[in-house]
Protein backbone atom coordinates (compact mmCIF):
# COMPACT_ATOMS: atom_id res chain seq x y z
CA MET A 1 -29.33 103.02 63.40
CA SER A 2 -31.37 105.27 65.65
CA THR A 3 -30.11 108.55 64.25
CA ASN A 4 -30.71 110.32 60.97
CA ASP A 5 -27.58 111.14 59.04
CA ILE A 6 -26.61 113.78 56.40
CA LEU A 7 -24.19 115.13 53.81
CA HIS A 8 -24.44 118.07 51.34
CA VAL A 9 -27.34 120.02 49.40
CA ALA A 10 -29.91 121.46 46.53
CA THR A 11 -34.06 122.08 45.56
CA LYS A 12 -36.66 124.17 43.68
CA SER A 13 -39.56 126.51 44.42
CA SER A 14 -41.72 128.98 42.54
CA THR A 15 -38.92 131.54 42.95
CA TYR A 16 -36.57 129.50 40.73
CA VAL A 17 -34.71 131.89 38.45
CA LEU A 18 -33.76 129.53 35.59
CA PRO A 19 -35.93 128.36 32.67
CA SER A 20 -37.44 124.92 32.07
CA ASP A 21 -36.90 124.13 28.39
CA GLU A 22 -34.81 121.92 26.10
CA ALA A 23 -31.79 124.26 26.26
CA GLU A 24 -31.89 124.08 30.05
CA LYS A 25 -32.24 120.30 29.92
CA ASP A 26 -29.08 120.17 27.81
CA ARG A 27 -27.26 122.49 30.23
CA LEU A 28 -28.30 120.37 33.21
CA SER A 29 -26.89 117.28 31.48
CA LEU A 30 -23.55 119.09 31.05
CA GLN A 31 -23.68 120.28 34.64
CA HIS A 32 -24.23 116.72 35.87
CA LYS A 33 -21.08 115.55 34.10
CA ILE A 34 -19.07 118.46 35.55
CA LEU A 35 -20.22 117.83 39.12
CA LYS A 36 -19.79 114.08 38.91
CA ARG A 37 -16.22 114.59 37.68
CA ALA A 38 -15.53 117.04 40.51
CA PHE A 39 -16.42 114.38 43.08
CA GLU A 40 -14.31 111.60 41.60
CA ASN A 41 -17.26 110.16 39.65
CA ARG A 42 -19.16 109.43 42.86
CA MET A 43 -22.91 109.77 42.48
CA PHE A 44 -23.26 110.80 46.12
CA LEU A 45 -21.05 111.21 49.17
CA ALA A 46 -23.46 109.77 51.73
CA SER A 47 -22.26 106.65 53.55
CA VAL A 48 -24.92 104.32 52.19
CA THR A 49 -25.05 101.30 49.91
CA LEU A 50 -28.29 101.12 47.97
CA ALA A 51 -29.96 97.72 47.94
CA PRO A 52 -32.95 96.20 46.15
CA GLY A 53 -36.12 97.58 47.69
CA ASP A 54 -34.53 100.83 48.82
CA HIS A 55 -36.20 104.07 47.79
CA VAL A 56 -34.19 107.11 46.57
CA LEU A 57 -35.57 110.63 46.10
CA ASP A 58 -34.00 113.17 43.74
CA SER A 59 -35.31 116.64 44.60
CA GLY A 60 -35.37 119.26 41.83
CA THR A 61 -34.65 116.50 39.33
CA GLY A 62 -35.07 118.65 36.18
CA GLY A 63 -34.19 116.44 33.22
CA ALA A 64 -33.37 113.61 35.65
CA SER A 65 -29.69 113.41 34.58
CA TRP A 66 -28.65 112.22 38.02
CA LEU A 67 -31.41 109.61 38.29
CA LEU A 68 -30.78 108.25 34.79
CA ASP A 69 -27.08 107.84 35.62
CA LEU A 70 -27.79 106.26 39.01
CA GLU A 71 -30.29 103.82 37.46
CA GLY A 72 -27.45 102.13 35.57
CA GLN A 73 -25.52 101.57 38.81
CA VAL A 74 -28.16 100.07 41.11
CA SER A 75 -30.51 97.10 41.13
CA SER A 76 -33.61 97.33 38.96
CA GLU A 77 -35.49 96.72 42.21
CA THR A 78 -34.18 99.95 43.75
CA ILE A 79 -37.00 102.49 43.43
CA LEU A 80 -35.86 105.87 42.09
CA HIS A 81 -38.21 108.82 42.47
CA GLY A 82 -37.61 112.28 41.01
CA ILE A 83 -39.61 115.39 41.82
CA ASP A 84 -39.73 118.86 40.32
CA ILE A 85 -42.26 121.67 40.32
CA ASP A 86 -42.17 121.63 36.50
CA SER A 87 -42.42 118.45 34.41
CA ARG A 88 -41.60 119.95 30.99
CA ILE A 89 -38.10 118.50 30.79
CA PHE A 90 -38.76 115.12 32.42
CA PRO A 91 -37.41 112.26 30.25
CA SER A 92 -40.16 110.68 28.16
CA ASN A 93 -39.39 106.97 28.62
CA PRO A 94 -37.45 106.36 31.85
CA ALA A 95 -36.72 102.87 33.16
CA PRO A 96 -39.60 101.10 34.98
CA ASN A 97 -38.00 101.74 38.40
CA ILE A 98 -37.84 105.53 37.82
CA HIS A 99 -40.93 107.44 38.94
CA LEU A 100 -41.30 111.17 38.26
CA SER A 101 -43.85 113.56 39.75
CA THR A 102 -44.55 117.27 40.04
CA ASP A 103 -44.03 117.91 43.73
CA SER A 104 -42.21 120.50 45.82
CA ILE A 105 -39.57 119.56 48.38
CA THR A 106 -41.17 122.10 50.72
CA LYS A 107 -44.38 120.03 50.92
CA LEU A 108 -44.08 116.35 50.05
CA PRO A 109 -46.95 113.83 50.09
CA ALA A 110 -47.97 112.79 53.61
CA SER A 111 -47.69 109.12 52.62
CA TRP A 112 -43.94 109.45 52.03
CA SER A 113 -42.99 109.60 55.72
CA SER A 114 -40.03 107.28 56.56
CA THR A 115 -39.75 106.05 52.97
CA PHE A 116 -36.37 107.01 51.47
CA THR A 117 -32.93 105.59 52.23
CA LEU A 118 -31.36 108.53 50.40
CA VAL A 119 -32.58 112.00 49.46
CA HIS A 120 -30.42 113.77 46.88
CA GLN A 121 -30.63 117.46 46.04
CA ARG A 122 -28.26 119.93 44.45
CA LEU A 123 -27.99 123.54 43.31
CA LEU A 124 -31.29 124.89 44.56
CA ILE A 125 -29.65 128.03 45.88
CA LEU A 126 -31.37 129.63 42.86
CA GLY A 127 -34.80 128.35 43.87
CA LEU A 128 -35.36 128.42 47.62
CA THR A 129 -35.73 131.25 50.10
CA LEU A 130 -34.44 130.84 53.64
CA GLN A 131 -37.98 130.01 54.74
CA ASP A 132 -38.21 127.44 51.93
CA TRP A 133 -34.95 125.84 53.05
CA ARG A 134 -36.24 125.38 56.57
CA ALA A 135 -39.43 123.78 55.25
CA ALA A 136 -37.51 121.60 52.77
CA LEU A 137 -35.10 120.23 55.36
CA LYS A 138 -37.95 119.39 57.73
CA GLU A 139 -39.64 117.51 54.90
CA MET A 140 -36.42 115.65 54.08
CA TYR A 141 -36.09 114.66 57.72
CA ARG A 142 -39.67 113.39 57.71
CA VAL A 143 -39.40 111.26 54.57
CA ILE A 144 -36.07 109.50 55.20
CA VAL A 145 -36.03 106.16 56.99
CA PRO A 146 -34.35 106.01 60.43
CA GLY A 147 -30.61 106.06 59.69
CA GLY A 148 -31.21 107.43 56.20
CA TRP A 149 -29.12 110.09 54.53
CA VAL A 150 -29.60 113.39 52.76
CA ASN A 151 -26.92 114.32 50.20
CA LEU A 152 -26.87 118.02 49.32
CA LEU A 153 -24.64 120.04 47.02
CA GLU A 154 -24.61 123.83 46.81
CA VAL A 155 -22.47 126.55 45.28
CA GLN A 156 -21.10 129.73 46.83
CA MET A 157 -22.56 132.84 45.14
CA ASP A 158 -21.43 135.44 47.68
CA LEU A 159 -18.44 137.45 46.39
CA PRO A 160 -16.70 138.02 49.76
CA GLN A 161 -16.64 134.24 50.30
CA PHE A 162 -14.91 133.41 47.00
CA LYS A 163 -11.63 131.54 47.39
CA TRP A 164 -10.34 132.95 44.10
CA THR A 165 -9.87 136.47 42.78
CA PRO A 166 -12.37 137.32 40.02
CA GLY A 167 -11.77 140.05 37.44
CA PRO A 168 -13.71 143.35 37.47
CA MET A 169 -16.43 142.28 34.99
CA THR A 170 -16.94 139.04 36.88
CA VAL A 171 -17.28 141.02 40.09
CA GLN A 172 -19.86 143.24 38.42
CA LEU A 173 -21.81 140.22 37.14
CA PHE A 174 -21.89 138.47 40.51
CA THR A 175 -22.89 141.73 42.17
CA VAL A 176 -25.95 141.83 39.89
CA VAL A 177 -26.73 138.14 40.47
CA CYS A 178 -26.43 138.43 44.25
CA ALA A 179 -28.71 141.48 44.20
CA LEU A 180 -31.26 139.38 42.27
CA LEU A 181 -31.08 136.57 44.83
CA LEU A 182 -31.46 138.95 47.75
CA ALA A 183 -34.42 140.66 46.05
CA LYS A 184 -36.13 137.27 45.84
CA GLY A 185 -35.34 136.32 49.44
CA MET A 186 -32.67 133.76 48.54
CA VAL A 187 -29.33 133.27 50.30
CA PRO A 188 -26.14 133.95 48.25
CA ASP A 189 -23.87 132.48 50.96
CA LEU A 190 -26.14 129.48 51.60
CA PRO A 191 -23.33 126.87 51.99
CA LEU A 192 -22.14 128.68 55.13
CA HIS A 193 -25.57 128.27 56.73
CA LEU A 194 -26.40 124.70 55.75
CA PRO A 195 -24.80 122.86 58.70
CA ALA A 196 -26.75 124.95 61.21
CA LEU A 197 -29.97 124.61 59.20
CA LEU A 198 -29.51 120.85 59.09
CA GLU A 199 -29.00 120.68 62.84
CA GLU A 200 -32.06 122.85 63.35
CA ALA A 201 -34.11 120.36 61.28
CA GLY A 202 -32.96 117.48 63.52
CA PHE A 203 -30.17 115.93 61.47
CA MET A 204 -27.03 114.44 63.00
CA ASN A 205 -23.64 113.31 61.68
CA ILE A 206 -23.28 116.27 59.32
CA HIS A 207 -20.28 116.24 56.98
CA VAL A 208 -19.04 118.83 54.47
CA GLU A 209 -16.71 118.33 51.51
CA GLU A 210 -15.61 121.25 49.32
CA ARG A 211 -14.44 121.30 45.73
CA GLY A 212 -13.14 124.07 43.50
CA LEU A 213 -13.98 123.98 39.80
CA ALA A 214 -11.67 125.48 37.20
CA LEU A 215 -13.01 128.30 35.03
CA TYR A 216 -9.81 129.12 33.14
CA GLY A 217 -8.22 127.54 30.07
CA GLN A 218 -9.19 124.24 28.47
CA GLU A 219 -9.67 122.54 31.85
CA GLY A 220 -12.36 125.06 32.73
CA ALA A 221 -14.13 125.12 29.33
CA ASP A 222 -17.15 123.06 30.41
CA MET A 223 -17.67 124.89 33.69
CA ARG A 224 -17.16 128.27 32.01
CA GLU A 225 -19.82 127.46 29.41
CA ASN A 226 -22.17 126.08 32.04
CA SER A 227 -21.76 129.22 34.14
CA ARG A 228 -22.34 131.46 31.13
CA ARG A 229 -25.57 129.63 30.33
CA VAL A 230 -26.73 129.84 33.95
CA MET A 231 -26.18 133.59 33.97
CA MET A 232 -27.95 134.03 30.63
CA GLY A 233 -30.84 131.98 31.96
CA MET A 234 -31.38 134.53 34.73
CA LYS A 235 -31.80 137.45 32.29
CA THR A 236 -35.59 137.72 32.48
CA HIS A 237 -35.55 137.77 36.28
CA VAL A 238 -32.73 140.32 36.38
CA LEU A 239 -34.76 142.62 34.14
CA ASP A 240 -37.97 142.00 36.11
CA VAL A 241 -36.36 143.09 39.39
CA GLY A 242 -35.41 146.44 37.83
CA GLY A 243 -32.50 148.72 38.56
CA LEU A 244 -29.82 146.03 38.25
CA VAL A 245 -29.01 146.71 34.57
CA LYS A 246 -30.37 149.18 32.01
CA SER A 247 -31.32 146.68 29.32
CA ALA A 248 -31.25 143.07 28.15
CA GLU A 249 -28.38 143.98 25.82
CA GLU A 250 -26.33 145.39 28.69
CA TYR A 251 -26.83 142.23 30.74
CA GLU A 252 -26.00 139.91 27.84
CA ASN A 253 -22.82 141.89 27.17
CA LEU A 254 -21.87 141.71 30.84
CA VAL A 255 -22.28 137.92 30.86
CA ASN A 256 -20.27 137.45 27.65
CA VAL A 257 -17.43 139.76 28.67
CA ALA A 258 -17.21 138.17 32.12
CA SER A 259 -17.05 134.74 30.50
CA LYS A 260 -14.15 135.82 28.28
CA GLU A 261 -12.46 137.42 31.29
């Protein structure tokens, strides 16, 4: 193939608004199961079959839940590389074909040019500014092999774009969260902009698939808990911005009431 192909998105930067600790590692493991289920247990949507000798990059790997799952589904000779700006929740004894390093997707090692058959990234809407996204996508384009794929997954955080009707406390919570993202230069409606950003970076054959995740009732229990923990994880940053809530107690109450709503 002479073209570089794509799919859907995620990454991290120093603006990342969630913690890096054991509780977050546990949440990321739950999140991985939720997202995998939402996409019919597919590990990625890109039109690629991974073979021995292929290299895969997982950007913003965190606790490496995705890589650890993928490792059981590919040849031991497929090289799996995970990067994150923080190594605190990396697994301690990964398989020999899993390599983890502290790198940023906005500036990858020069030696990685034309290396990866697949670059995977998800849910970095909470970590990258618009400028970061442009840099990240250029780096992804540089490090994939000709005909390689990027598989991205992102979530809609912008209230007017919701395809469901949230209750008043949920509206208030997302209003606070979106104000936090904007204050940090991030993009609450990022999924709407990704196709154009991908084209701008040089990618072709861009595809988008959308999924809705239940938040109500027993079906939505996992996603509801995951969302609650994400919102709680932002508390320090919400308070640091100032003017969004009056106190930590007010924010915690808002998150809990919205979750029950």
